[in-house]
């Protein structure tokens, strides 16, 4: 009987699920980080109390907004970043930044990022 209700109320369940994730952003970040840590075999040791979502991205200064109902988020969605990727999701090695900043940073070293920035400035000007 419950299975039939689930099948016939997909839209209702989708909206309820989206609302839960929107209201529990920090917990959602912890849950997704735990999955990624397991997938990529990196350490994990963070909880909801370790996640602090700022109003603006500390790297790019753009306003952070949750992308409700959108897989992967938007460029200005809050994103959990590992400061030093190989150290994993551990206290002192995580920060919340925009999805765009996290993608730009990716797994690049500071030296690679500086080289990239110099190339951008040379190619596209100040």
Protein backbone atom coordinates (compact mmCIF):
# COMPACT_ATOMS: atom_id res chain seq x y z
CA UNK A 1 0.00 0.00 0.00
CA UNK A 2 2.78 2.48 0.91
CA UNK A 3 4.58 1.63 -2.34
CA UNK A 4 1.53 2.71 -4.34
CA UNK A 5 1.35 6.01 -2.43
CA UNK A 6 5.04 6.67 -3.15
CA UNK A 7 4.56 6.03 -6.85
CA UNK A 8 1.48 8.20 -7.11
CA UNK A 9 2.94 11.11 -5.10
CA UNK A 10 6.34 11.56 -6.73
CA UNK A 11 5.97 15.32 -7.14
CA UNK A 12 4.88 15.80 -3.52
CA UNK A 13 7.81 13.71 -2.28
CA UNK A 14 10.25 15.62 -4.51
CA UNK A 15 9.10 19.00 -3.13
CA UNK A 16 9.19 17.74 0.46
CA UNK A 17 12.69 16.37 -0.09
CA UNK A 18 13.88 19.67 -1.60
CA UNK A 19 12.45 21.57 1.37
CA UNK A 20 14.23 19.27 3.82
CA UNK A 21 17.60 19.85 2.11
CA UNK A 22 16.98 23.62 2.06
CA UNK A 23 16.17 23.67 5.79
CA UNK A 24 19.09 21.39 6.71
CA UNK A 25 21.89 22.75 4.52
CA UNK A 26 24.71 22.09 6.99
CA UNK A 27 23.56 18.53 7.68
CA UNK A 28 23.21 17.98 3.94
CA UNK A 29 26.80 19.11 3.44
CA UNK A 30 27.97 16.68 6.11
CA UNK A 31 26.02 13.79 4.54
CA UNK A 32 27.34 14.49 1.04
CA UNK A 33 30.91 15.04 2.31
CA UNK A 34 30.81 11.68 4.13
CA UNK A 35 29.79 9.98 0.87
CA UNK A 36 32.56 11.71 -1.10
CA UNK A 37 35.13 10.89 1.58
CA UNK A 38 34.23 7.23 1.33
CA UNK A 39 34.19 7.33 -2.48
CA UNK A 40 37.59 9.05 -2.73
CA UNK A 41 39.08 7.29 0.30
CA UNK A 42 39.98 10.46 2.19
CA UNK A 43 39.62 11.10 5.93
CA UNK A 44 36.30 12.33 7.31
CA UNK A 45 35.78 13.88 10.73
CA UNK A 46 33.30 16.77 10.56
CA UNK A 47 29.86 17.40 11.94
CA UNK A 48 27.15 19.98 11.55
CA UNK A 49 28.84 22.14 14.20
CA UNK A 50 31.91 22.42 11.94
CA UNK A 51 29.99 23.82 8.97
CA UNK A 52 29.46 27.58 8.85
CA UNK A 53 27.72 28.94 5.74
CA UNK A 54 28.59 32.63 5.24
CA UNK A 55 26.32 35.08 3.46
CA UNK A 56 29.03 35.71 0.85
CA UNK A 57 31.75 33.59 -0.70
CA UNK A 58 34.99 34.38 1.14
CA UNK A 59 36.96 33.98 -2.10
CA UNK A 60 34.83 35.74 -4.75
CA UNK A 61 32.60 37.90 -2.58
CA UNK A 62 29.40 36.79 -4.33
CA UNK A 63 26.19 36.26 -2.36
CA UNK A 64 25.61 32.58 -1.55
CA UNK A 65 22.18 31.17 -2.38
CA UNK A 66 20.94 27.61 -2.09
CA UNK A 67 19.93 25.96 -5.36
CA UNK A 68 16.77 24.15 -4.33
CA UNK A 69 15.88 21.25 -6.61
CA UNK A 70 18.97 21.51 -8.73
CA UNK A 71 21.52 18.74 -8.74
CA UNK A 72 25.06 20.05 -8.53
CA UNK A 73 23.98 23.51 -7.43
CA UNK A 74 24.66 26.85 -9.11
CA UNK A 75 27.83 28.94 -9.29
CA UNK A 76 26.73 30.88 -6.21
CA UNK A 77 25.54 27.86 -4.21
CA UNK A 78 27.38 27.10 -0.95
CA UNK A 79 29.97 24.38 -1.51
CA UNK A 80 32.13 22.53 1.00
CA UNK A 81 35.79 22.92 0.09
CA UNK A 82 38.74 20.90 1.33
CA UNK A 83 41.49 23.50 1.77
CA UNK A 84 44.14 20.82 1.16
CA UNK A 85 42.28 18.11 -0.81
CA UNK A 86 44.41 15.11 0.23
CA UNK A 87 43.79 15.84 3.94
CA UNK A 88 40.10 15.13 3.44
CA UNK A 89 37.04 16.44 5.24
CA UNK A 90 38.52 17.08 8.67
CA UNK A 91 38.19 19.92 11.17
CA UNK A 92 40.41 22.82 10.21
CA UNK A 93 40.62 21.73 6.57
CA UNK A 94 37.14 22.70 5.38
CA UNK A 95 35.49 25.95 4.41
CA UNK A 96 32.25 26.90 2.71
CA UNK A 97 32.76 28.82 -0.53
CA UNK A 98 30.72 29.31 -3.69
CA UNK A 99 30.43 26.44 -6.13
CA UNK A 100 32.23 28.58 -8.70
CA UNK A 101 35.18 29.27 -6.40
CA UNK A 102 35.39 25.59 -5.49
CA UNK A 103 35.43 24.56 -9.15
CA UNK A 104 38.04 27.20 -10.02
CA UNK A 105 40.22 26.07 -7.13
CA UNK A 106 39.57 22.37 -7.75
CA UNK A 107 42.71 20.35 -6.99
CA UNK A 108 45.13 23.02 -8.20
CA UNK A 109 48.13 23.99 -6.14
CA UNK A 110 48.68 27.65 -5.18
CA UNK A 111 51.49 27.79 -7.76
CA UNK A 112 49.18 26.45 -10.49
CA UNK A 113 46.46 28.92 -9.54
CA UNK A 114 48.91 31.82 -9.69
CA UNK A 115 50.16 30.69 -13.08
CA UNK A 116 46.57 30.42 -14.30
CA UNK A 117 45.73 33.90 -12.93
CA UNK A 118 48.76 35.40 -14.68
CA UNK A 119 47.71 33.74 -17.94
CA UNK A 120 44.16 35.12 -17.58
CA UNK A 121 45.46 38.64 -16.93
CA UNK A 122 47.86 38.44 -19.89
CA UNK A 123 45.26 36.95 -22.25
CA UNK A 124 42.20 38.95 -21.26
CA UNK A 125 43.75 42.03 -19.67
CA UNK A 126 43.02 43.69 -16.36
